[in-house]
Amino acid sequence: MTTMTVTFDRPVPTGVETGGTVVENITATPSVVISGNVFRDVPTRGVLVTTLRPVLITGNRFDGMSMASIYVSADAYQWYESGPVADLTIRGNSFTRPTGPVIFVEPTNQVIAPANPVHHNISVEHNTFDIGDVTVVNAKSVGGFGFAGNTVRRLDEPDHPPYTSPLFVFHGSSGIRIAHNHYDRGLNTAVVSD
């Protein structure tokens, strides 16, 4: 275990408490572009996103992922290793044969308040999703989530019962925009809760 001493040059903000606050050096967080890759049959998540600076994931193929193709965390509760996302664009990718939520946003915050979300400004646009009975987006604690111009196709599977997984699940989120998408087979269903 490493111990650090942090010295502040101004008063500590109200609400900051010992044992209840995590500090991140945001001057060291990177901007990221992930482009032109193939992620195939990976037994874990494809891409883990946990940076405050702009992230662009574009022109990639995610095929047969065992966990989320794109996983957005913010694990300051258990691993103390990552903070919030503030500018994420997922554009022009193809997602085939996923076995779990394709895009999974799951910060480890214990208090869920739509008025005070962990993540902000996530845009999913002009992607292709060829899926079975899985959820396309499962997102918790996001302020400003857009899903537009995408194509979602439920795969033909012989003797498959009706699909039961909703395409979208939102929990403790606000500012959700789902528009101008194309759906084949299955309904544009969503579960939204506080």
N, C-alpha and C. Protein backbone atom coordinates (compact mmCIF):
# COMPACT_ATOMS: atom_id res chain seq x y z
N MET A 1 0.84 -1.17 0.00
CA MET A 1 0.00 0.00 0.00
C MET A 1 0.89 1.24 0.00
N THR A 2 0.48 2.25 -0.76
CA THR A 2 1.21 3.51 -0.83
C THR A 2 0.43 4.59 -0.12
N THR A 3 1.12 5.39 0.67
CA THR A 3 0.49 6.51 1.36
C THR A 3 0.99 7.80 0.75
N MET A 4 0.09 8.74 0.51
CA MET A 4 0.45 10.05 -0.04
C MET A 4 -0.04 11.14 0.89
N THR A 5 0.67 12.23 0.86
CA THR A 5 0.22 13.43 1.56
C THR A 5 -0.14 14.45 0.49
N VAL A 6 -1.37 14.96 0.53
CA VAL A 6 -1.84 15.94 -0.44
C VAL A 6 -2.01 17.26 0.29
N THR A 7 -1.39 18.32 -0.25
CA THR A 7 -1.49 19.65 0.33
C THR A 7 -2.35 20.50 -0.60
N PHE A 8 -3.34 21.17 -0.03
CA PHE A 8 -4.26 22.00 -0.81
C PHE A 8 -3.84 23.46 -0.73
N ASP A 9 -4.02 24.18 -1.85
CA ASP A 9 -3.68 25.60 -1.87
C ASP A 9 -4.92 26.48 -1.67
N ARG A 10 -6.03 25.86 -1.31
CA ARG A 10 -7.28 26.59 -1.03
C ARG A 10 -8.12 25.74 -0.10
N PRO A 11 -9.17 26.29 0.46
CA PRO A 11 -9.99 25.50 1.40
C PRO A 11 -10.59 24.26 0.72
N VAL A 12 -10.68 23.19 1.47
CA VAL A 12 -11.27 21.96 0.98
C VAL A 12 -12.77 22.17 0.80
N PRO A 13 -13.33 21.74 -0.35
CA PRO A 13 -14.77 21.95 -0.60
C PRO A 13 -15.65 21.28 0.45
N THR A 14 -16.80 21.86 0.66
CA THR A 14 -17.79 21.29 1.58
C THR A 14 -18.17 19.90 1.09
N GLY A 15 -18.30 18.98 2.03
CA GLY A 15 -18.70 17.62 1.69
C GLY A 15 -17.54 16.66 1.56
N VAL A 16 -16.32 17.17 1.45
CA VAL A 16 -15.15 16.31 1.38
C VAL A 16 -14.84 15.82 2.78
N GLU A 17 -14.74 14.50 2.91
CA GLU A 17 -14.53 13.93 4.24
C GLU A 17 -13.52 12.79 4.18
N THR A 18 -12.81 12.61 5.26
CA THR A 18 -11.85 11.51 5.37
C THR A 18 -12.60 10.19 5.28
N GLY A 19 -12.10 9.31 4.44
CA GLY A 19 -12.73 8.00 4.27
C GLY A 19 -13.91 8.00 3.33
N GLY A 20 -14.30 9.16 2.80
CA GLY A 20 -15.47 9.22 1.92
C GLY A 20 -15.21 9.97 0.62
N THR A 21 -13.95 10.31 0.36
CA THR A 21 -13.61 11.09 -0.82
C THR A 21 -12.41 10.46 -1.52
N VAL A 22 -12.47 10.41 -2.84
CA VAL A 22 -11.36 9.91 -3.63
C VAL A 22 -10.79 11.08 -4.41
N VAL A 23 -9.47 11.14 -4.50
CA VAL A 23 -8.79 12.21 -5.22
C VAL A 23 -8.14 11.62 -6.46
N GLU A 24 -8.32 12.30 -7.60
CA GLU A 24 -7.70 11.86 -8.85
C GLU A 24 -6.91 13.02 -9.44
N ASN A 25 -5.72 12.74 -9.95
CA ASN A 25 -4.91 13.75 -10.62
C ASN A 25 -5.40 13.89 -12.05
N ILE A 26 -6.33 14.81 -12.29
CA ILE A 26 -6.93 14.92 -13.62
C ILE A 26 -5.98 15.56 -14.63
N THR A 27 -4.85 16.10 -14.18
CA THR A 27 -3.86 16.61 -15.15
C THR A 27 -3.14 15.46 -15.84
N ALA A 28 -3.26 14.25 -15.32
CA ALA A 28 -2.56 13.10 -15.89
C ALA A 28 -3.50 12.18 -16.68
N THR A 29 -4.76 12.54 -16.84
CA THR A 29 -5.68 11.68 -17.59
C THR A 29 -5.53 11.94 -19.09
N PRO A 30 -5.56 10.89 -19.91
CA PRO A 30 -5.31 11.06 -21.34
C PRO A 30 -6.58 11.28 -22.16
N SER A 31 -6.41 11.88 -23.32
CA SER A 31 -7.41 11.82 -24.39
C SER A 31 -7.08 10.55 -25.16
N VAL A 32 -8.12 9.89 -25.71
CA VAL A 32 -7.89 8.59 -26.35
C VAL A 32 -8.66 8.49 -27.66
N VAL A 33 -8.00 7.93 -28.68
CA VAL A 33 -8.66 7.54 -29.92
C VAL A 33 -8.36 6.06 -30.14
N ILE A 34 -9.42 5.26 -30.27
CA ILE A 34 -9.28 3.83 -30.57
C ILE A 34 -9.96 3.63 -31.91
N SER A 35 -9.16 3.31 -32.94
CA SER A 35 -9.68 3.31 -34.30
C SER A 35 -9.09 2.17 -35.12
N GLY A 36 -9.95 1.52 -35.93
CA GLY A 36 -9.49 0.56 -36.92
C GLY A 36 -9.02 -0.78 -36.36
N ASN A 37 -9.56 -1.21 -35.24
CA ASN A 37 -9.14 -2.47 -34.63
C ASN A 37 -10.22 -3.54 -34.75
N VAL A 38 -9.79 -4.79 -34.58
CA VAL A 38 -10.72 -5.92 -34.49
C VAL A 38 -10.53 -6.55 -33.12
N PHE A 39 -11.62 -6.61 -32.35
CA PHE A 39 -11.64 -7.29 -31.06
C PHE A 39 -12.51 -8.53 -31.24
N ARG A 40 -11.91 -9.73 -31.14
CA ARG A 40 -12.67 -10.94 -31.45
C ARG A 40 -12.51 -11.98 -30.35
N ASP A 41 -13.64 -12.53 -29.90
CA ASP A 41 -13.67 -13.63 -28.93
C ASP A 41 -12.83 -13.35 -27.69
N VAL A 42 -12.91 -12.14 -27.19
CA VAL A 42 -12.18 -11.77 -25.98
C VAL A 42 -12.99 -12.23 -24.77
N PRO A 43 -12.38 -12.95 -23.82
CA PRO A 43 -13.14 -13.47 -22.69
C PRO A 43 -13.50 -12.40 -21.65
N THR A 44 -12.90 -11.21 -21.78
CA THR A 44 -13.24 -10.11 -20.87
C THR A 44 -13.79 -8.96 -21.71
N ARG A 45 -13.97 -7.83 -21.10
CA ARG A 45 -14.48 -6.67 -21.85
C ARG A 45 -13.52 -6.28 -22.97
N GLY A 46 -14.06 -5.62 -24.00
CA GLY A 46 -13.23 -5.20 -25.12
C GLY A 46 -12.41 -3.98 -24.78
N VAL A 47 -13.09 -2.87 -24.43
CA VAL A 47 -12.43 -1.61 -24.11
C VAL A 47 -12.99 -1.11 -22.79
N LEU A 48 -12.11 -0.75 -21.87
CA LEU A 48 -12.49 -0.15 -20.59
C LEU A 48 -12.19 1.34 -20.68
N VAL A 49 -13.21 2.17 -20.50
CA VAL A 49 -13.06 3.62 -20.61
C VAL A 49 -13.21 4.26 -19.24
N THR A 50 -12.17 4.96 -18.80
CA THR A 50 -12.21 5.64 -17.50
C THR A 50 -11.31 6.87 -17.51
N THR A 51 -11.56 7.80 -18.40
CA THR A 51 -10.79 9.03 -18.42
C THR A 51 -11.72 10.22 -18.59
N LEU A 52 -11.35 11.32 -17.99
CA LEU A 52 -12.16 12.54 -18.03
C LEU A 52 -12.04 13.27 -19.36
N ARG A 53 -10.96 13.06 -20.06
CA ARG A 53 -10.70 13.77 -21.32
C ARG A 53 -11.43 13.09 -22.48
N PRO A 54 -11.49 13.75 -23.65
CA PRO A 54 -12.25 13.19 -24.79
C PRO A 54 -11.76 11.81 -25.22
N VAL A 55 -12.75 10.93 -25.50
CA VAL A 55 -12.48 9.57 -25.99
C VAL A 55 -13.30 9.37 -27.26
N LEU A 56 -12.65 8.90 -28.31
CA LEU A 56 -13.32 8.55 -29.56
C LEU A 56 -13.02 7.10 -29.87
N ILE A 57 -14.07 6.29 -29.98
CA ILE A 57 -13.95 4.88 -30.37
C ILE A 57 -14.65 4.76 -31.72
N THR A 58 -13.89 4.55 -32.79
CA THR A 58 -14.47 4.64 -34.13
C THR A 58 -13.84 3.63 -35.10
N GLY A 59 -14.69 3.09 -35.98
CA GLY A 59 -14.21 2.22 -37.04
C GLY A 59 -13.66 0.88 -36.58
N ASN A 60 -14.13 0.39 -35.44
CA ASN A 60 -13.66 -0.88 -34.90
C ASN A 60 -14.71 -1.97 -35.11
N ARG A 61 -14.25 -3.22 -35.02
CA ARG A 61 -15.17 -4.36 -35.06
C ARG A 61 -15.02 -5.13 -33.75
N PHE A 62 -16.16 -5.31 -33.08
CA PHE A 62 -16.22 -6.09 -31.84
C PHE A 62 -17.04 -7.33 -32.15
N ASP A 63 -16.41 -8.51 -32.07
CA ASP A 63 -17.07 -9.74 -32.51
C ASP A 63 -16.93 -10.82 -31.42
N GLY A 64 -18.05 -11.30 -30.94
CA GLY A 64 -18.07 -12.42 -30.00
C GLY A 64 -17.49 -12.09 -28.63
N MET A 65 -17.75 -10.89 -28.14
CA MET A 65 -17.23 -10.49 -26.84
C MET A 65 -18.00 -11.21 -25.73
N SER A 66 -17.26 -11.72 -24.73
CA SER A 66 -17.90 -12.44 -23.62
C SER A 66 -18.50 -11.50 -22.58
N MET A 67 -17.90 -10.33 -22.44
CA MET A 67 -18.45 -9.30 -21.55
C MET A 67 -18.79 -8.09 -22.42
N ALA A 68 -18.92 -6.94 -21.83
CA ALA A 68 -19.27 -5.75 -22.60
C ALA A 68 -18.20 -5.45 -23.64
N SER A 69 -18.65 -5.04 -24.82
CA SER A 69 -17.70 -4.60 -25.84
C SER A 69 -17.03 -3.30 -25.39
N ILE A 70 -17.83 -2.39 -24.86
CA ILE A 70 -17.31 -1.15 -24.31
C ILE A 70 -17.86 -1.00 -22.90
N TYR A 71 -16.95 -0.92 -21.94
CA TYR A 71 -17.31 -0.84 -20.52
C TYR A 71 -16.82 0.48 -19.96
N VAL A 72 -17.74 1.27 -19.44
CA VAL A 72 -17.41 2.56 -18.83
C VAL A 72 -17.59 2.38 -17.33
N SER A 73 -16.51 2.52 -16.59
CA SER A 73 -16.56 2.29 -15.15
C SER A 73 -16.52 3.62 -14.40
N ALA A 74 -15.72 3.74 -13.44
CA ALA A 74 -15.44 4.84 -12.51
C ALA A 74 -15.39 4.15 -11.17
N ASP A 75 -14.35 3.39 -10.97
CA ASP A 75 -14.25 2.54 -9.80
C ASP A 75 -13.44 3.20 -8.70
N ALA A 76 -14.06 4.15 -8.05
CA ALA A 76 -13.41 4.81 -6.93
C ALA A 76 -13.86 4.19 -5.61
N TYR A 77 -14.78 3.25 -5.67
CA TYR A 77 -15.32 2.64 -4.46
C TYR A 77 -14.53 1.40 -4.03
N GLN A 78 -14.15 0.56 -4.98
CA GLN A 78 -13.50 -0.70 -4.64
C GLN A 78 -12.03 -0.75 -5.03
N TRP A 79 -11.72 -0.37 -6.28
CA TRP A 79 -10.34 -0.49 -6.76
C TRP A 79 -9.58 0.83 -6.66
N TYR A 80 -10.27 1.93 -6.50
CA TYR A 80 -9.63 3.25 -6.41
C TYR A 80 -8.73 3.51 -7.60
N GLU A 81 -9.23 3.17 -8.79
CA GLU A 81 -8.34 3.26 -9.95
C GLU A 81 -8.86 4.13 -11.08
N SER A 82 -10.06 4.63 -11.01
CA SER A 82 -10.54 5.38 -12.17
C SER A 82 -11.65 6.35 -11.78
N GLY A 83 -11.77 7.39 -12.60
CA GLY A 83 -12.76 8.42 -12.36
C GLY A 83 -13.82 8.48 -13.44
N PRO A 84 -14.53 9.60 -13.50
CA PRO A 84 -15.66 9.74 -14.42
C PRO A 84 -15.25 10.00 -15.86
N VAL A 85 -16.21 9.74 -16.75
CA VAL A 85 -16.09 10.04 -18.17
C VAL A 85 -16.92 11.30 -18.44
N ALA A 86 -16.36 12.21 -19.24
CA ALA A 86 -17.07 13.46 -19.51
C ALA A 86 -17.31 13.72 -20.99
N ASP A 87 -16.69 12.94 -21.87
CA ASP A 87 -16.81 13.18 -23.31
C ASP A 87 -16.43 11.91 -24.06
N LEU A 88 -17.42 11.05 -24.30
CA LEU A 88 -17.17 9.77 -24.97
C LEU A 88 -18.03 9.67 -26.22
N THR A 89 -17.38 9.43 -27.37
CA THR A 89 -18.09 9.22 -28.61
C THR A 89 -17.77 7.82 -29.14
N ILE A 90 -18.83 7.04 -29.39
CA ILE A 90 -18.72 5.70 -29.96
C ILE A 90 -19.39 5.78 -31.32
N ARG A 91 -18.57 5.80 -32.40
CA ARG A 91 -19.11 6.11 -33.72
C ARG A 91 -18.57 5.16 -34.79
N GLY A 92 -19.49 4.64 -35.62
CA GLY A 92 -19.09 3.89 -36.81
C GLY A 92 -18.43 2.55 -36.54
N ASN A 93 -18.81 1.89 -35.47
CA ASN A 93 -18.29 0.58 -35.12
C ASN A 93 -19.31 -0.50 -35.47
N SER A 94 -18.85 -1.77 -35.55
CA SER A 94 -19.79 -2.88 -35.70
C SER A 94 -19.63 -3.80 -34.50
N PHE A 95 -20.77 -4.27 -34.00
CA PHE A 95 -20.82 -5.15 -32.85
C PHE A 95 -21.60 -6.39 -33.25
N THR A 96 -20.94 -7.56 -33.22
CA THR A 96 -21.60 -8.80 -33.62
C THR A 96 -21.41 -9.86 -32.54
N ARG A 97 -22.42 -10.68 -32.36
CA ARG A 97 -22.42 -11.84 -31.46
C ARG A 97 -22.03 -11.53 -30.02
N PRO A 98 -22.50 -10.44 -29.43
CA PRO A 98 -22.17 -10.18 -28.03
C PRO A 98 -22.96 -11.10 -27.11
N THR A 99 -22.42 -11.39 -25.93
CA THR A 99 -23.15 -12.23 -24.98
C THR A 99 -23.64 -11.47 -23.76
N GLY A 100 -23.31 -10.21 -23.66
CA GLY A 100 -23.76 -9.39 -22.54
C GLY A 100 -24.15 -8.02 -23.04
N PRO A 101 -24.42 -7.09 -22.15
CA PRO A 101 -24.71 -5.74 -22.66
C PRO A 101 -23.55 -5.27 -23.54
N VAL A 102 -23.87 -4.72 -24.68
CA VAL A 102 -22.83 -4.30 -25.62
C VAL A 102 -22.07 -3.09 -25.05
N ILE A 103 -22.81 -2.08 -24.65
CA ILE A 103 -22.22 -0.90 -24.02
C ILE A 103 -22.73 -0.88 -22.59
N PHE A 104 -21.81 -1.00 -21.64
CA PHE A 104 -22.16 -1.15 -20.24
C PHE A 104 -21.53 -0.01 -19.46
N VAL A 105 -22.36 0.84 -18.88
CA VAL A 105 -21.89 1.97 -18.08
C VAL A 105 -22.25 1.67 -16.64
N GLU A 106 -21.24 1.38 -15.83
CA GLU A 106 -21.50 0.94 -14.47
C GLU A 106 -20.46 1.48 -13.48
N PRO A 107 -20.62 2.75 -13.10
CA PRO A 107 -19.75 3.26 -12.04
C PRO A 107 -20.09 2.58 -10.72
N THR A 108 -19.15 2.59 -9.79
CA THR A 108 -19.36 1.88 -8.52
C THR A 108 -19.93 2.78 -7.43
N ASN A 109 -20.45 3.96 -7.81
CA ASN A 109 -21.02 4.85 -6.80
C ASN A 109 -22.15 4.17 -6.04
N GLN A 110 -22.21 4.45 -4.75
CA GLN A 110 -23.22 3.84 -3.89
C GLN A 110 -24.48 4.69 -3.78
N VAL A 111 -24.36 5.98 -4.03
CA VAL A 111 -25.52 6.89 -4.02
C VAL A 111 -25.84 7.22 -5.47
N ILE A 112 -27.05 6.91 -5.86
CA ILE A 112 -27.47 7.13 -7.25
C ILE A 112 -28.46 8.29 -7.28
N ALA A 113 -28.04 9.38 -7.92
CA ALA A 113 -28.87 10.58 -7.99
C ALA A 113 -28.86 11.11 -9.42
N PRO A 114 -29.99 11.01 -10.15
CA PRO A 114 -30.02 11.49 -11.53
C PRO A 114 -29.60 12.95 -11.67
N ALA A 115 -29.83 13.76 -10.63
CA ALA A 115 -29.43 15.17 -10.68
C ALA A 115 -27.92 15.35 -10.50
N ASN A 116 -27.23 14.32 -10.05
CA ASN A 116 -25.79 14.39 -9.84
C ASN A 116 -25.12 13.11 -10.36
N PRO A 117 -25.16 12.90 -11.69
CA PRO A 117 -24.61 11.65 -12.26
C PRO A 117 -23.08 11.63 -12.22
N VAL A 118 -22.54 10.43 -12.31
CA VAL A 118 -21.09 10.25 -12.34
C VAL A 118 -20.54 10.61 -13.72
N HIS A 119 -21.14 10.06 -14.79
CA HIS A 119 -20.64 10.25 -16.15
C HIS A 119 -21.50 11.26 -16.90
N HIS A 120 -20.88 11.90 -17.90
CA HIS A 120 -21.57 12.90 -18.72
C HIS A 120 -21.20 12.75 -20.19
N ASN A 121 -22.14 13.15 -21.04
CA ASN A 121 -21.89 13.33 -22.48
C ASN A 121 -21.34 12.08 -23.17
N ILE A 122 -22.17 11.05 -23.23
CA ILE A 122 -21.83 9.85 -23.98
C ILE A 122 -22.70 9.81 -25.23
N SER A 123 -22.05 9.67 -26.38
CA SER A 123 -22.76 9.66 -27.66
C SER A 123 -22.45 8.37 -28.40
N VAL A 124 -23.52 7.65 -28.79
CA VAL A 124 -23.39 6.40 -29.55
C VAL A 124 -24.10 6.65 -30.88
N GLU A 125 -23.33 6.72 -31.97
CA GLU A 125 -23.92 7.13 -33.24
C GLU A 125 -23.35 6.37 -34.43
N HIS A 126 -24.24 6.02 -35.36
CA HIS A 126 -23.89 5.42 -36.64
C HIS A 126 -23.11 4.11 -36.49
N ASN A 127 -23.51 3.29 -35.53
CA ASN A 127 -22.94 1.96 -35.32
C ASN A 127 -23.91 0.91 -35.82
N THR A 128 -23.41 -0.32 -35.99
CA THR A 128 -24.24 -1.46 -36.36
C THR A 128 -24.15 -2.51 -35.27
N PHE A 129 -25.31 -2.96 -34.79
CA PHE A 129 -25.38 -3.97 -33.74
C PHE A 129 -26.12 -5.18 -34.29
N ASP A 130 -25.42 -6.32 -34.41
CA ASP A 130 -26.04 -7.58 -34.81
C ASP A 130 -26.03 -8.46 -33.57
N ILE A 131 -27.20 -8.57 -32.93
CA ILE A 131 -27.27 -9.16 -31.60
C ILE A 131 -28.33 -10.26 -31.52
N GLY A 132 -28.22 -11.06 -30.48
CA GLY A 132 -29.26 -12.02 -30.13
C GLY A 132 -30.11 -11.41 -29.02
N ASP A 133 -30.37 -12.17 -27.98
CA ASP A 133 -31.21 -11.73 -26.88
C ASP A 133 -30.36 -11.04 -25.81
N VAL A 134 -29.79 -9.90 -26.17
CA VAL A 134 -28.97 -9.12 -25.24
C VAL A 134 -29.39 -7.66 -25.28
N THR A 135 -28.97 -6.93 -24.27
CA THR A 135 -29.23 -5.50 -24.17
C THR A 135 -28.12 -4.74 -24.91
N VAL A 136 -28.50 -3.74 -25.68
CA VAL A 136 -27.52 -2.93 -26.40
C VAL A 136 -26.83 -1.97 -25.44
N VAL A 137 -27.60 -1.23 -24.65
CA VAL A 137 -27.04 -0.25 -23.71
C VAL A 137 -27.63 -0.50 -22.33
N ASN A 138 -26.74 -0.67 -21.34
CA ASN A 138 -27.14 -0.73 -19.94
C ASN A 138 -26.33 0.35 -19.24
N ALA A 139 -26.98 1.42 -18.82
CA ALA A 139 -26.24 2.58 -18.32
C ALA A 139 -26.79 3.06 -16.97
N LYS A 140 -25.86 3.30 -16.06
CA LYS A 140 -26.18 3.80 -14.73
C LYS A 140 -25.48 5.14 -14.53
N SER A 141 -26.18 6.09 -13.95
CA SER A 141 -25.61 7.36 -13.50
C SER A 141 -24.92 8.14 -14.62
N VAL A 142 -25.70 8.41 -15.69
CA VAL A 142 -25.19 9.19 -16.82
C VAL A 142 -26.06 10.43 -17.00
N GLY A 143 -25.43 11.56 -17.18
CA GLY A 143 -26.12 12.80 -17.53
C GLY A 143 -25.79 13.16 -18.95
N GLY A 144 -26.75 12.99 -19.85
CA GLY A 144 -26.52 13.27 -21.26
C GLY A 144 -26.03 12.06 -22.00
N PHE A 145 -26.98 11.25 -22.48
CA PHE A 145 -26.66 10.04 -23.24
C PHE A 145 -27.44 10.08 -24.54
N GLY A 146 -26.73 10.01 -25.68
CA GLY A 146 -27.39 10.03 -26.98
C GLY A 146 -27.15 8.74 -27.74
N PHE A 147 -28.20 8.23 -28.37
CA PHE A 147 -28.13 7.02 -29.19
C PHE A 147 -28.87 7.34 -30.48
N ALA A 148 -28.11 7.63 -31.57
CA ALA A 148 -28.76 8.11 -32.79
C ALA A 148 -28.07 7.57 -34.04
N GLY A 149 -28.89 7.32 -35.07
CA GLY A 149 -28.36 6.91 -36.37
C GLY A 149 -27.78 5.51 -36.40
N ASN A 150 -28.13 4.68 -35.44
CA ASN A 150 -27.60 3.32 -35.34
C ASN A 150 -28.54 2.32 -36.01
N THR A 151 -28.00 1.16 -36.38
CA THR A 151 -28.80 0.05 -36.89
C THR A 151 -28.68 -1.10 -35.90
N VAL A 152 -29.84 -1.59 -35.43
CA VAL A 152 -29.87 -2.72 -34.49
C VAL A 152 -30.64 -3.85 -35.13
N ARG A 153 -29.97 -5.00 -35.30
CA ARG A 153 -30.60 -6.17 -35.90
C ARG A 153 -30.57 -7.33 -34.92
N ARG A 154 -31.72 -7.92 -34.68
CA ARG A 154 -31.79 -9.15 -33.90
C ARG A 154 -31.49 -10.30 -34.87
N LEU A 155 -30.54 -11.13 -34.52
CA LEU A 155 -30.12 -12.22 -35.40
C LEU A 155 -31.19 -13.29 -35.50
N ASP A 156 -31.31 -13.87 -36.69
CA ASP A 156 -32.20 -15.01 -36.88
C ASP A 156 -31.57 -16.22 -36.23
N GLU A 157 -32.25 -16.79 -35.26
CA GLU A 157 -31.75 -18.00 -34.60
C GLU A 157 -32.87 -19.03 -34.65
N PRO A 158 -32.61 -20.19 -35.26
CA PRO A 158 -33.66 -21.20 -35.37
C PRO A 158 -34.16 -21.63 -33.99
N ASP A 159 -35.43 -21.81 -33.88
CA ASP A 159 -36.07 -22.28 -32.65
C ASP A 159 -35.80 -21.37 -31.45
N HIS A 160 -35.54 -20.08 -31.70
CA HIS A 160 -35.32 -19.16 -30.60
C HIS A 160 -36.66 -18.64 -30.10
N PRO A 161 -36.89 -18.68 -28.77
CA PRO A 161 -38.13 -18.10 -28.25
C PRO A 161 -38.11 -16.59 -28.45
N PRO A 162 -39.21 -15.92 -28.21
CA PRO A 162 -39.22 -14.47 -28.38
C PRO A 162 -38.13 -13.81 -27.52
N TYR A 163 -37.57 -12.73 -28.04
CA TYR A 163 -36.54 -12.00 -27.30
C TYR A 163 -37.14 -11.37 -26.06
N THR A 164 -36.42 -11.45 -24.94
CA THR A 164 -36.93 -10.89 -23.69
C THR A 164 -36.07 -9.75 -23.15
N SER A 165 -34.84 -9.62 -23.60
CA SER A 165 -33.97 -8.55 -23.10
C SER A 165 -34.35 -7.22 -23.72
N PRO A 166 -34.54 -6.19 -22.90
CA PRO A 166 -34.80 -4.87 -23.47
C PRO A 166 -33.54 -4.38 -24.19
N LEU A 167 -33.72 -3.56 -25.21
CA LEU A 167 -32.56 -3.03 -25.91
C LEU A 167 -31.81 -2.00 -25.06
N PHE A 168 -32.53 -1.26 -24.22
CA PHE A 168 -31.93 -0.20 -23.42
C PHE A 168 -32.38 -0.32 -21.96
N VAL A 169 -31.42 -0.14 -21.05
CA VAL A 169 -31.72 -0.07 -19.62
C VAL A 169 -30.97 1.14 -19.06
N PHE A 170 -31.70 2.06 -18.44
CA PHE A 170 -31.09 3.24 -17.83
C PHE A 170 -31.51 3.31 -16.37
N HIS A 171 -30.53 3.58 -15.52
CA HIS A 171 -30.79 3.65 -14.08
C HIS A 171 -30.09 4.89 -13.52
N GLY A 172 -30.83 5.76 -12.86
CA GLY A 172 -30.25 6.95 -12.25
C GLY A 172 -29.62 7.88 -13.27
N SER A 173 -30.22 7.98 -14.44
CA SER A 173 -29.66 8.80 -15.53
C SER A 173 -30.66 9.86 -15.96
N SER A 174 -30.14 10.87 -16.66
CA SER A 174 -31.00 11.95 -17.16
C SER A 174 -30.45 12.43 -18.50
N GLY A 175 -31.29 13.15 -19.24
CA GLY A 175 -30.87 13.67 -20.53
C GLY A 175 -30.63 12.58 -21.56
N ILE A 176 -31.51 11.57 -21.60
CA ILE A 176 -31.36 10.45 -22.53
C ILE A 176 -32.07 10.79 -23.84
N ARG A 177 -31.36 10.64 -24.96
CA ARG A 177 -31.92 10.90 -26.28
C ARG A 177 -31.71 9.69 -27.18
N ILE A 178 -32.81 9.05 -27.58
CA ILE A 178 -32.75 7.90 -28.48
C ILE A 178 -33.60 8.27 -29.69
N ALA A 179 -32.94 8.43 -30.87
CA ALA A 179 -33.69 8.91 -32.03
C ALA A 179 -33.02 8.49 -33.33
N HIS A 180 -33.84 8.37 -34.38
CA HIS A 180 -33.37 8.16 -35.75
C HIS A 180 -32.53 6.90 -35.91
N ASN A 181 -32.95 5.82 -35.25
CA ASN A 181 -32.27 4.54 -35.37
C ASN A 181 -33.12 3.61 -36.22
N HIS A 182 -32.50 2.56 -36.73
CA HIS A 182 -33.21 1.56 -37.53
C HIS A 182 -33.17 0.23 -36.78
N TYR A 183 -34.35 -0.38 -36.60
CA TYR A 183 -34.45 -1.64 -35.86
C TYR A 183 -35.05 -2.72 -36.75
N ASP A 184 -34.39 -3.87 -36.79
CA ASP A 184 -34.92 -5.06 -37.47
C ASP A 184 -35.18 -6.12 -36.41
N ARG A 185 -36.36 -6.73 -36.43
CA ARG A 185 -36.71 -7.81 -35.51
C ARG A 185 -36.56 -7.38 -34.06
N GLY A 186 -37.60 -7.48 -33.31
CA GLY A 186 -37.55 -7.07 -31.92
C GLY A 186 -38.04 -5.64 -31.78
N LEU A 187 -38.37 -5.31 -30.58
CA LEU A 187 -38.95 -3.99 -30.32
C LEU A 187 -37.91 -3.04 -29.77
N ASN A 188 -38.17 -1.77 -29.94
CA ASN A 188 -37.34 -0.72 -29.36
C ASN A 188 -37.79 -0.55 -27.91
N THR A 189 -37.40 -1.48 -27.05
CA THR A 189 -37.87 -1.46 -25.67
C THR A 189 -36.81 -0.86 -24.78
N ALA A 190 -37.25 -0.23 -23.72
CA ALA A 190 -36.32 0.37 -22.78
C ALA A 190 -36.85 0.24 -21.37
N VAL A 191 -35.95 0.16 -20.41
CA VAL A 191 -36.26 0.21 -19.00
C VAL A 191 -35.54 1.41 -18.44
N VAL A 192 -36.27 2.33 -17.87
CA VAL A 192 -35.67 3.53 -17.28
C VAL A 192 -36.13 3.64 -15.84
N SER A 193 -35.19 3.79 -14.91
CA SER A 193 -35.55 3.94 -13.50
C SER A 193 -34.63 4.93 -12.83
N ASP A 194 -35.10 5.49 -11.72
CA ASP A 194 -34.28 6.43 -10.95
C ASP A 194 -33.22 5.71 -10.16
